[in-house]
C-alpha atoms as a PDB file:
ATOM      1  CA  UNK A   1     -10.754  16.565  -1.253  1.00  0.00           C
ATOM      2  CA  UNK A   2      -8.906  13.343  -2.021  1.00  0.00           C
ATOM      3  CA  UNK A   3      -7.854  11.029   0.750  1.00  0.00           C
ATOM      4  CA  UNK A   4      -6.531   7.518   1.193  1.00  0.00           C
ATOM      5  CA  UNK A   5      -7.638   5.520   4.211  1.00  0.00           C
ATOM      6  CA  UNK A   6      -5.701   2.430   5.226  1.00  0.00           C
ATOM      7  CA  UNK A   7      -6.732  -0.551   7.297  1.00  0.00           C
ATOM      8  CA  UNK A   8      -5.630  -4.081   8.106  1.00  0.00           C
ATOM      9  CA  UNK A   9      -2.475  -3.643  10.129  1.00  0.00           C
ATOM     10  CA  UNK A  10      -1.847  -5.313  13.437  1.00  0.00           C
ATOM     11  CA  UNK A  11       0.235  -7.759  15.422  1.00  0.00           C
ATOM     12  CA  UNK A  12       0.999 -11.132  13.891  1.00  0.00           C
ATOM     13  CA  UNK A  13       3.366 -13.991  14.647  1.00  0.00           C
ATOM     14  CA  UNK A  14       6.219 -14.880  12.301  1.00  0.00           C
ATOM     15  CA  UNK A  15       4.903 -16.922   9.415  1.00  0.00           C
ATOM     16  CA  UNK A  16       1.476 -15.369   9.703  1.00  0.00           C
ATOM     17  CA  UNK A  17      -0.482 -13.276   7.249  1.00  0.00           C
ATOM     18  CA  UNK A  18      -2.145  -9.899   7.029  1.00  0.00           C
ATOM     19  CA  UNK A  19      -4.025  -8.086   4.320  1.00  0.00           C
ATOM     20  CA  UNK A  20      -3.740  -4.331   4.088  1.00  0.00           C
ATOM     21  CA  UNK A  21      -6.337  -2.239   2.316  1.00  0.00           C
ATOM     22  CA  UNK A  22      -6.220   1.333   1.111  1.00  0.00           C
ATOM     23  CA  UNK A  23      -9.294   3.036  -0.270  1.00  0.00           C
ATOM     24  CA  UNK A  24      -9.175   6.326  -2.132  1.00  0.00           C
ATOM     25  CA  UNK A  25     -12.124   8.672  -2.008  1.00  0.00           C
ATOM     26  CA  UNK A  26     -13.032  12.186  -3.066  1.00  0.00           C
ATOM     27  CA  UNK A  27     -13.272  14.007  -6.367  1.00  0.00           C
ATOM     28  CA  UNK A  28     -11.285  11.461  -8.319  1.00  0.00           C
ATOM     29  CA  UNK A  29     -11.115  11.556 -12.072  1.00  0.00           C
ATOM     30  CA  UNK A  30      -8.582   8.772 -12.452  1.00  0.00           C
ATOM     31  CA  UNK A  31      -5.966   6.808 -10.571  1.00  0.00           C
ATOM     32  CA  UNK A  32      -2.776   5.691 -12.204  1.00  0.00           C
ATOM     33  CA  UNK A  33      -0.116   3.850 -10.217  1.00  0.00           C
ATOM     34  CA  UNK A  34      -0.771   2.722  -6.674  1.00  0.00           C
ATOM     35  CA  UNK A  35       1.682   1.282  -4.231  1.00  0.00           C
ATOM     36  CA  UNK A  36       2.778   0.409  -0.741  1.00  0.00           C
ATOM     37  CA  UNK A  37       5.789   1.725   1.133  1.00  0.00           C
ATOM     38  CA  UNK A  38       7.218   0.760   4.490  1.00  0.00           C
ATOM     39  CA  UNK A  39       9.087   2.770   7.076  1.00  0.00           C
ATOM     40  CA  UNK A  40      10.768   1.418  10.175  1.00  0.00           C
ATOM     41  CA  UNK A  41      11.838   3.748  13.009  1.00  0.00           C
ATOM     42  CA  UNK A  42      14.964   5.653  12.108  1.00  0.00           C
ATOM     43  CA  UNK A  43      14.938   4.449   8.518  1.00  0.00           C
ATOM     44  CA  UNK A  44      13.883   5.912   5.205  1.00  0.00           C
ATOM     45  CA  UNK A  45      10.589   5.047   3.605  1.00  0.00           C
ATOM     46  CA  UNK A  46      11.082   2.214   1.136  1.00  0.00           C
ATOM     47  CA  UNK A  47       9.046   0.901  -1.753  1.00  0.00           C
ATOM     48  CA  UNK A  48       7.373  -2.437  -1.117  1.00  0.00           C
ATOM     49  CA  UNK A  49       5.210  -2.940  -4.187  1.00  0.00           C
ATOM     50  CA  UNK A  50       3.519  -0.996  -6.966  1.00  0.00           C
ATOM     51  CA  UNK A  51       0.735  -1.725  -9.393  1.00  0.00           C
ATOM     52  CA  UNK A  52      -0.297   0.162 -12.509  1.00  0.00           C
ATOM     53  CA  UNK A  53      -3.843   0.881 -13.574  1.00  0.00           C
ATOM     54  CA  UNK A  54      -3.538  -2.059 -15.948  1.00  0.00           C
ATOM     55  CA  UNK A  55      -2.434  -4.450 -13.233  1.00  0.00           C
ATOM     56  CA  UNK A  56       1.308  -4.649 -13.868  1.00  0.00           C
ATOM     57  CA  UNK A  57       3.162  -5.200 -10.607  1.00  0.00           C
ATOM     58  CA  UNK A  58       6.602  -4.600  -9.193  1.00  0.00           C
ATOM     59  CA  UNK A  59       8.031  -5.770  -5.879  1.00  0.00           C
ATOM     60  CA  UNK A  60      10.986  -5.135  -3.661  1.00  0.00           C
ATOM     61  CA  UNK A  61      13.327  -8.107  -3.659  1.00  0.00           C
ATOM     62  CA  UNK A  62      12.765  -8.653   0.037  1.00  0.00           C
ATOM     63  CA  UNK A  63       9.054  -9.395  -0.402  1.00  0.00           C
ATOM     64  CA  UNK A  64       8.972 -11.253  -3.708  1.00  0.00           C
ATOM     65  CA  UNK A  65       7.145 -14.524  -3.358  1.00  0.00           C
ATOM     66  CA  UNK A  66       5.582 -13.480  -0.046  1.00  0.00           C
ATOM     67  CA  UNK A  67       3.572 -10.323  -0.736  1.00  0.00           C
ATOM     68  CA  UNK A  68       0.995  -9.716  -3.436  1.00  0.00           C
ATOM     69  CA  UNK A  69      -0.322  -6.330  -4.474  1.00  0.00           C
ATOM     70  CA  UNK A  70      -3.689  -6.047  -6.179  1.00  0.00           C
ATOM     71  CA  UNK A  71      -6.324  -3.431  -6.878  1.00  0.00           C
ATOM     72  CA  UNK A  72     -10.022  -3.051  -7.448  1.00  0.00           C
ATOM     73  CA  UNK A  73     -10.482  -0.125  -9.782  1.00  0.00           C
ATOM     74  CA  UNK A  74     -14.229  -0.066  -9.217  1.00  0.00           C
ATOM     75  CA  UNK A  75     -13.644   0.500  -5.507  1.00  0.00           C
ATOM     76  CA  UNK A  76     -10.556   2.709  -5.912  1.00  0.00           C
ATOM     77  CA  UNK A  77      -8.814   0.341  -3.545  1.00  0.00           C
ATOM     78  CA  UNK A  78      -5.382  -1.239  -3.439  1.00  0.00           C
ATOM     79  CA  UNK A  79      -4.513  -4.261  -1.329  1.00  0.00           C
ATOM     80  CA  UNK A  80      -1.355  -5.833  -0.021  1.00  0.00           C
ATOM     81  CA  UNK A  81      -1.588  -9.500   0.889  1.00  0.00           C
ATOM     82  CA  UNK A  82       1.297 -10.250   3.223  1.00  0.00           C
ATOM     83  CA  UNK A  83       2.157 -13.916   3.745  1.00  0.00           C
ATOM     84  CA  UNK A  84       5.040 -15.651   5.499  1.00  0.00           C
ATOM     85  CA  UNK A  85       5.661 -12.542   7.533  1.00  0.00           C
ATOM     86  CA  UNK A  86       9.042 -12.019   9.137  1.00  0.00           C
ATOM     87  CA  UNK A  87      10.069  -9.834  12.084  1.00  0.00           C
ATOM     88  CA  UNK A  88      12.025  -7.659   9.671  1.00  0.00           C
ATOM     89  CA  UNK A  89       8.745  -6.786   7.948  1.00  0.00           C
ATOM     90  CA  UNK A  90       7.785  -4.792  11.033  1.00  0.00           C
ATOM     91  CA  UNK A  91       7.150  -1.210   9.972  1.00  0.00           C
ATOM     92  CA  UNK A  92       4.518   1.386   9.299  1.00  0.00           C
ATOM     93  CA  UNK A  93       3.033   0.742   5.883  1.00  0.00           C
ATOM     94  CA  UNK A  94       1.852   3.641   3.771  1.00  0.00           C
ATOM     95  CA  UNK A  95      -0.391   3.544   0.750  1.00  0.00           C
ATOM     96  CA  UNK A  96       0.470   5.773  -2.182  1.00  0.00           C
ATOM     97  CA  UNK A  97      -1.546   6.650  -5.250  1.00  0.00           C
ATOM     98  CA  UNK A  98      -1.128   8.916  -8.247  1.00  0.00           C
ATOM     99  CA  UNK A  99      -4.539  10.547  -8.548  1.00  0.00           C
ATOM    100  CA  UNK A 100      -5.946  13.113 -10.935  1.00  0.00           C
ATOM    101  CA  UNK A 101      -8.783  15.048  -9.302  1.00  0.00           C
ATOM    102  CA  UNK A 102     -11.699  16.443 -11.259  1.00  0.00           C
ATOM    103  CA  UNK A 103     -11.031  19.904 -12.704  1.00  0.00           C
ATOM    104  CA  UNK A 104      -7.278  19.440 -12.551  1.00  0.00           C
ATOM    105  CA  UNK A 105      -5.118  18.781 -15.588  1.00  0.00           C
ATOM    106  CA  UNK A 106      -2.514  16.582 -13.943  1.00  0.00           C
ATOM    107  CA  UNK A 107      -2.168  13.991 -11.232  1.00  0.00           C
ATOM    108  CA  UNK A 108      -0.650  14.217  -7.785  1.00  0.00           C
ATOM    109  CA  UNK A 109       0.785  11.783  -5.282  1.00  0.00           C
ATOM    110  CA  UNK A 110      -1.393  11.104  -2.262  1.00  0.00           C
ATOM    111  CA  UNK A 111      -0.485   9.166   0.863  1.00  0.00           C
ATOM    112  CA  UNK A 112      -2.447   7.177   3.367  1.00  0.00           C
ATOM    113  CA  UNK A 113      -2.160   7.758   7.088  1.00  0.00           C
ATOM    114  CA  UNK A 114      -0.033   4.672   7.660  1.00  0.00           C
ATOM    115  CA  UNK A 115      -0.863   1.424   9.398  1.00  0.00           C
ATOM    116  CA  UNK A 116       1.399  -0.400  11.839  1.00  0.00           C
ATOM    117  CA  UNK A 117       2.445  -3.951  11.064  1.00  0.00           C
ATOM    118  CA  UNK A 118       4.260  -5.745  13.858  1.00  0.00           C
ATOM    119  CA  UNK A 119       5.628  -9.254  13.393  1.00  0.00           C
ATOM    120  CA  UNK A 120       6.709 -10.774  16.677  1.00  0.00           C
ATOM    121  CA  UNK A 121       6.459 -13.967  18.656  1.00  0.00           C
END
């Protein structure tokens, strides 16, 4: 009954910007960490950025200074602002969230459906 829906991907030129959104919905009691992961064809899924419920952030070295993760706890939404995009950023981006549903005693990892980001001239 919990799902994460992503939006905001697309085609952008090098140096451009995109903002990804991921909204969680369903029988949610609480959300702890949220994050974004990327996966290019033939490669493993890699962490891009994470943010705790209190707003503490962590970034992959490759995106530091260019990407910003944020969240709106009232909307159960996490964002990824992507600036100064490079062709090597091209990948499918997946939202992840540690969510505790109502009537359950522990949290579980949930994943969004993925959104394609393509950086090309």
